[in-house]
C-alpha atoms as a PDB file:
ATOM      1  CA  MET A   1     -11.333 -13.579  10.615  1.00  0.00           C
ATOM      2  CA  THR A   2      -7.908 -13.132  12.192  1.00  0.00           C
ATOM      3  CA  LEU A   3      -4.753 -12.024  10.426  1.00  0.00           C
ATOM      4  CA  LEU A   4      -2.616 -14.719   8.950  1.00  0.00           C
ATOM      5  CA  ALA A   5       0.543 -15.253  10.921  1.00  0.00           C
ATOM      6  CA  ILE A   6       2.796 -15.552   7.892  1.00  0.00           C
ATOM      7  CA  LYS A   7       6.315 -14.256   8.043  1.00  0.00           C
ATOM      8  CA  ILE A   8       7.666 -13.457   4.620  1.00  0.00           C
ATOM      9  CA  LYS A   9      11.397 -13.031   4.191  1.00  0.00           C
ATOM     10  CA  LEU A  10      11.867  -9.490   2.964  1.00  0.00           C
ATOM     11  CA  LYS A  11      15.116  -8.706   1.188  1.00  0.00           C
ATOM     12  CA  PRO A  12      16.639  -5.230   1.169  1.00  0.00           C
ATOM     13  CA  THR A  13      16.503  -3.525  -2.230  1.00  0.00           C
ATOM     14  CA  ILE A  14      18.783  -0.959  -3.805  1.00  0.00           C
ATOM     15  CA  PHE A  15      17.589   2.089  -5.759  1.00  0.00           C
ATOM     16  CA  ASN A  16      19.833   4.217  -7.971  1.00  0.00           C
ATOM     17  CA  GLY A  17      22.715   1.953  -6.950  1.00  0.00           C
ATOM     18  CA  VAL A  18      22.947   3.679  -3.586  1.00  0.00           C
ATOM     19  CA  ASN A  19      19.790   3.864  -1.500  1.00  0.00           C
ATOM     20  CA  MET A  20      19.263   0.655   0.471  1.00  0.00           C
ATOM     21  CA  MET A  21      15.659  -0.012   1.460  1.00  0.00           C
ATOM     22  CA  LYS A  22      14.759  -2.318   4.324  1.00  0.00           C
ATOM     23  CA  TRP A  23      11.294  -3.841   3.946  1.00  0.00           C
ATOM     24  CA  ASP A  24       9.027  -4.764   6.873  1.00  0.00           C
ATOM     25  CA  LEU A  25       5.644  -6.452   6.860  1.00  0.00           C
ATOM     26  CA  LYS A  26       3.780  -5.927  10.125  1.00  0.00           C
ATOM     27  CA  THR A  27       0.389  -6.371  11.662  1.00  0.00           C
ATOM     28  CA  PHE A  28      -0.903  -3.370  13.599  1.00  0.00           C
ATOM     29  CA  SER A  29       0.003  -4.922  16.946  1.00  0.00           C
ATOM     30  CA  GLU A  30       3.612  -5.457  15.823  1.00  0.00           C
ATOM     31  CA  PHE A  31       4.356  -1.731  15.428  1.00  0.00           C
ATOM     32  CA  ASN A  32       6.349   0.012  18.115  1.00  0.00           C
ATOM     33  CA  THR A  33       5.290   3.571  18.914  1.00  0.00           C
ATOM     34  CA  GLY A  34       8.065   5.191  16.860  1.00  0.00           C
ATOM     35  CA  GLU A  35       7.247   3.127  13.771  1.00  0.00           C
ATOM     36  CA  LEU A  36       3.540   3.799  14.150  1.00  0.00           C
ATOM     37  CA  PHE A  37       4.201   7.530  14.453  1.00  0.00           C
ATOM     38  CA  GLU A  38       6.309   7.551  11.251  1.00  0.00           C
ATOM     39  CA  TYR A  39       3.709   5.458   9.430  1.00  0.00           C
ATOM     40  CA  PHE A  40       0.777   7.733  10.211  1.00  0.00           C
ATOM     41  CA  LYS A  41       2.953  10.823   9.681  1.00  0.00           C
ATOM     42  CA  LEU A  42       3.776   9.696   6.116  1.00  0.00           C
ATOM     43  CA  ARG A  43       0.152   8.867   5.319  1.00  0.00           C
ATOM     44  CA  GLN A  44      -1.011  12.216   6.724  1.00  0.00           C
ATOM     45  CA  SER A  45       1.635  14.058   4.716  1.00  0.00           C
ATOM     46  CA  VAL A  46       0.662  12.382   1.436  1.00  0.00           C
ATOM     47  CA  PHE A  47      -3.091  11.889   1.670  1.00  0.00           C
ATOM     48  CA  ILE A  48      -4.199  14.857   3.761  1.00  0.00           C
ATOM     49  CA  VAL A  49      -1.595  17.621   3.386  1.00  0.00           C
ATOM     50  CA  GLU A  50      -0.287  17.110  -0.191  1.00  0.00           C
ATOM     51  CA  GLN A  51      -3.683  16.248  -1.627  1.00  0.00           C
ATOM     52  CA  THR A  52      -5.449  18.937   0.422  1.00  0.00           C
ATOM     53  CA  CYS A  53      -8.010  16.358   1.436  1.00  0.00           C
ATOM     54  CA  PRO A  54      -9.196  16.387   5.038  1.00  0.00           C
ATOM     55  CA  TYR A  55     -10.550  12.945   5.840  1.00  0.00           C
ATOM     56  CA  PRO A  56     -10.126  10.417   8.677  1.00  0.00           C
ATOM     57  CA  ASP A  57      -7.090   8.492   7.418  1.00  0.00           C
ATOM     58  CA  MET A  58      -6.760   6.234  10.472  1.00  0.00           C
ATOM     59  CA  ASP A  59      -9.612   3.757  10.670  1.00  0.00           C
ATOM     60  CA  ASP A  60     -10.488   0.339  12.037  1.00  0.00           C
ATOM     61  CA  ILE A  61      -9.147  -1.315   8.870  1.00  0.00           C
ATOM     62  CA  ASP A  62      -5.623  -0.490  10.118  1.00  0.00           C
ATOM     63  CA  ARG A  63      -6.101  -2.908  13.017  1.00  0.00           C
ATOM     64  CA  GLN A  64      -7.132  -5.700  10.616  1.00  0.00           C
ATOM     65  CA  ALA A  65      -4.468  -5.211   7.943  1.00  0.00           C
ATOM     66  CA  HIS A  66      -0.867  -6.042   7.258  1.00  0.00           C
ATOM     67  CA  HIS A  67       1.328  -3.014   6.610  1.00  0.00           C
ATOM     68  CA  LEU A  68       4.250  -3.019   4.187  1.00  0.00           C
ATOM     69  CA  LEU A  69       6.964  -0.506   5.028  1.00  0.00           C
ATOM     70  CA  ALA A  70      10.123   0.552   3.167  1.00  0.00           C
ATOM     71  CA  TRP A  71      12.755   2.119   5.411  1.00  0.00           C
ATOM     72  CA  GLN A  72      15.931   3.928   4.481  1.00  0.00           C
ATOM     73  CA  ASP A  73      17.830   4.045   7.723  1.00  0.00           C
ATOM     74  CA  THR A  74      15.263   5.552  10.147  1.00  0.00           C
ATOM     75  CA  GLU A  75      13.198   7.328   7.469  1.00  0.00           C
ATOM     76  CA  LEU A  76       9.985   5.730   6.284  1.00  0.00           C
ATOM     77  CA  ALA A  77      10.300   5.974   2.501  1.00  0.00           C
ATOM     78  CA  ALA A  78       7.082   4.217   1.427  1.00  0.00           C
ATOM     79  CA  CYS A  79       4.156   2.204   2.762  1.00  0.00           C
ATOM     80  CA  ALA A  80       1.061   0.259   1.750  1.00  0.00           C
ATOM     81  CA  ARG A  81      -1.823  -1.341   3.592  1.00  0.00           C
ATOM     82  CA  LEU A  82      -2.605  -4.976   2.702  1.00  0.00           C
ATOM     83  CA  ILE A  83      -6.213  -5.690   3.564  1.00  0.00           C
ATOM     84  CA  ARG A  84      -7.742  -9.112   4.121  1.00  0.00           C
ATOM     85  CA  PRO A  85     -10.835 -10.231   2.198  1.00  0.00           C
ATOM     86  CA  GLY A  86     -14.055  -9.097   3.826  1.00  0.00           C
ATOM     87  CA  ALA A  87     -12.525  -6.226   5.795  1.00  0.00           C
ATOM     88  CA  LEU A  88     -13.225  -3.611   3.125  1.00  0.00           C
ATOM     89  CA  TYR A  89     -14.190  -5.491  -0.043  1.00  0.00           C
ATOM     90  CA  ALA A  90     -15.031  -9.106  -0.823  1.00  0.00           C
ATOM     91  CA  HIS A  91     -11.538  -9.432  -2.323  1.00  0.00           C
ATOM     92  CA  PRO A  92      -8.256  -8.740  -0.573  1.00  0.00           C
ATOM     93  CA  SER A  93      -7.095  -5.237  -1.388  1.00  0.00           C
ATOM     94  CA  ILE A  94      -4.124  -2.914  -1.331  1.00  0.00           C
ATOM     95  CA  GLY A  95      -4.585   0.646  -0.152  1.00  0.00           C
ATOM     96  CA  ARG A  96      -2.930   3.685   1.371  1.00  0.00           C
ATOM     97  CA  ILE A  97      -0.059   3.275  -1.121  1.00  0.00           C
ATOM     98  CA  ALA A  98       2.298   6.169  -0.377  1.00  0.00           C
ATOM     99  CA  THR A  99       5.843   7.174  -1.240  1.00  0.00           C
ATOM    100  CA  ASN A 100       7.634   9.868   0.710  1.00  0.00           C
ATOM    101  CA  LEU A 101       8.219  12.995  -1.373  1.00  0.00           C
ATOM    102  CA  THR A 102      11.974  12.614  -0.807  1.00  0.00           C
ATOM    103  CA  HIS A 103      11.944   9.214  -2.560  1.00  0.00           C
ATOM    104  CA  ARG A 104       9.724   9.887  -5.555  1.00  0.00           C
ATOM    105  CA  GLY A 105      11.180   9.413  -9.011  1.00  0.00           C
ATOM    106  CA  THR A 106      13.486   6.625  -7.852  1.00  0.00           C
ATOM    107  CA  GLY A 107      11.343   3.642  -8.840  1.00  0.00           C
ATOM    108  CA  LEU A 108      10.403   3.030  -5.213  1.00  0.00           C
ATOM    109  CA  GLY A 109       6.675   3.415  -5.903  1.00  0.00           C
ATOM    110  CA  ARG A 110       6.860   0.720  -8.575  1.00  0.00           C
ATOM    111  CA  GLU A 111       8.819  -1.528  -6.206  1.00  0.00           C
ATOM    112  CA  LEU A 112       6.273  -0.870  -3.444  1.00  0.00           C
ATOM    113  CA  VAL A 113       3.385  -2.023  -5.652  1.00  0.00           C
ATOM    114  CA  SER A 114       5.387  -5.060  -6.843  1.00  0.00           C
ATOM    115  CA  GLN A 115       6.242  -6.014  -3.262  1.00  0.00           C
ATOM    116  CA  SER A 116       2.611  -5.490  -2.201  1.00  0.00           C
ATOM    117  CA  ILE A 117       1.327  -7.795  -4.956  1.00  0.00           C
ATOM    118  CA  ALA A 118       3.941 -10.429  -4.102  1.00  0.00           C
ATOM    119  CA  HIS A 119       2.995 -10.398  -0.410  1.00  0.00           C
ATOM    120  CA  MET A 120      -0.726 -10.479  -1.167  1.00  0.00           C
ATOM    121  CA  SER A 121      -0.180 -13.546  -3.351  1.00  0.00           C
ATOM    122  CA  VAL A 122       1.404 -15.293  -0.358  1.00  0.00           C
ATOM    123  CA  LEU A 123      -1.123 -14.046   2.203  1.00  0.00           C
ATOM    124  CA  TYR A 124      -4.157 -14.749  -0.029  1.00  0.00           C
ATOM    125  CA  PRO A 125      -3.060 -17.199  -2.761  1.00  0.00           C
ATOM    126  CA  ASN A 126      -4.879 -17.122  -6.104  1.00  0.00           C
ATOM    127  CA  MET A 127      -7.352 -14.484  -4.925  1.00  0.00           C
ATOM    128  CA  PRO A 128      -7.921 -11.391  -7.083  1.00  0.00           C
ATOM    129  CA  ILE A 129      -6.644  -8.141  -5.581  1.00  0.00           C
ATOM    130  CA  LYS A 130      -8.819  -5.034  -5.639  1.00  0.00           C
ATOM    131  CA  ILE A 131      -7.658  -1.436  -5.470  1.00  0.00           C
ATOM    132  CA  SER A 132      -9.471   1.881  -5.439  1.00  0.00           C
ATOM    133  CA  ALA A 133      -7.060   3.879  -7.593  1.00  0.00           C
ATOM    134  CA  GLN A 134      -6.894   7.556  -8.286  1.00  0.00           C
ATOM    135  CA  GLU A 135      -8.003   7.822 -11.896  1.00  0.00           C
ATOM    136  CA  HIS A 136      -4.829   9.550 -13.091  1.00  0.00           C
ATOM    137  CA  LEU A 137      -2.828   6.469 -11.972  1.00  0.00           C
ATOM    138  CA  GLU A 138      -4.826   4.016 -14.105  1.00  0.00           C
ATOM    139  CA  LYS A 139      -1.991   3.481 -16.635  1.00  0.00           C
ATOM    140  CA  PHE A 140       0.510   2.931 -13.806  1.00  0.00           C
ATOM    141  CA  TYR A 141      -1.626   0.182 -12.223  1.00  0.00           C
ATOM    142  CA  ARG A 142      -2.436  -1.341 -15.621  1.00  0.00           C
ATOM    143  CA  SER A 143       1.316  -1.907 -16.037  1.00  0.00           C
ATOM    144  CA  PHE A 144       1.053  -4.424 -13.145  1.00  0.00           C
ATOM    145  CA  GLY A 145      -1.888  -6.246 -14.753  1.00  0.00           C
ATOM    146  CA  PHE A 146      -4.772  -4.492 -12.991  1.00  0.00           C
ATOM    147  CA  THR A 147      -7.902  -3.958 -15.100  1.00  0.00           C
ATOM    148  CA  THR A 148     -10.496  -1.271 -14.584  1.00  0.00           C
ATOM    149  CA  VAL A 149     -13.799  -2.664 -13.273  1.00  0.00           C
ATOM    150  CA  SER A 150     -15.799   0.504 -12.558  1.00  0.00           C
ATOM    151  CA  THR A 151     -16.597   3.881 -13.964  1.00  0.00           C
ATOM    152  CA  MET A 152     -15.042   6.939 -12.383  1.00  0.00           C
ATOM    153  CA  TYR A 153     -16.422   7.981  -9.001  1.00  0.00           C
ATOM    154  CA  LEU A 154     -15.456  10.697  -6.568  1.00  0.00           C
ATOM    155  CA  GLU A 155     -13.885   9.708  -3.281  1.00  0.00           C
ATOM    156  CA  ASP A 156     -13.130  12.708  -1.097  1.00  0.00           C
ATOM    157  CA  GLU A 157     -13.615  14.863  -4.236  1.00  0.00           C
ATOM    158  CA  ILE A 158     -10.800  12.986  -6.055  1.00  0.00           C
ATOM    159  CA  PRO A 159     -11.655  10.940  -9.184  1.00  0.00           C
ATOM    160  CA  HIS A 160     -11.149   7.204  -8.498  1.00  0.00           C
ATOM    161  CA  ILE A 161     -11.732   3.907 -10.295  1.00  0.00           C
ATOM    162  CA  ASP A 162     -11.887   0.353  -9.001  1.00  0.00           C
ATOM    163  CA  MET A 163      -9.309  -1.993 -10.470  1.00  0.00           C
ATOM    164  CA  LEU A 164      -8.810  -5.739 -10.125  1.00  0.00           C
ATOM    165  CA  LEU A 165      -5.763  -7.962 -10.561  1.00  0.00           C
ATOM    166  CA  LYS A 166      -6.621 -11.564 -11.337  1.00  0.00           C
ATOM    167  CA  PHE A 167      -4.061 -14.341 -11.195  1.00  0.00           C
ATOM    168  CA  GLN A 168      -4.118 -16.862 -14.062  1.00  0.00           C
END
């Protein structure tokens, strides 16, 4: 299955009345080298360094996914990976949701998840969205309508749960 060639108009958003975020949705092949460097640098910083969790973050799913990016000027503030059905799970999924430490506490993480859900609903209309969430974020994802569909399991020694968002 190839990636859908859908271009979604992404509007800049403002946080705290000051910080303008520019949103990009890209396939892997649309990244330039500088963007790709910043993208993997942010993911490495959050998932490997901050969480003290050595694992192979870059994988073949990156080549098959859409990537949602929030930029403030030239700084990558947040990102998420939007995965097509069948690439990782039967359902489309959102993963590698990360907010730069410098932008936490601003509401950007909530906006990132909202934007991710909105784009997934355009890319894969009426299909449930699956996430593998860190267990301590269950309440956060429930606030978007996700429901827990698994018991806790360890992924890279971090407690996770599977959650699903169904559209009515």
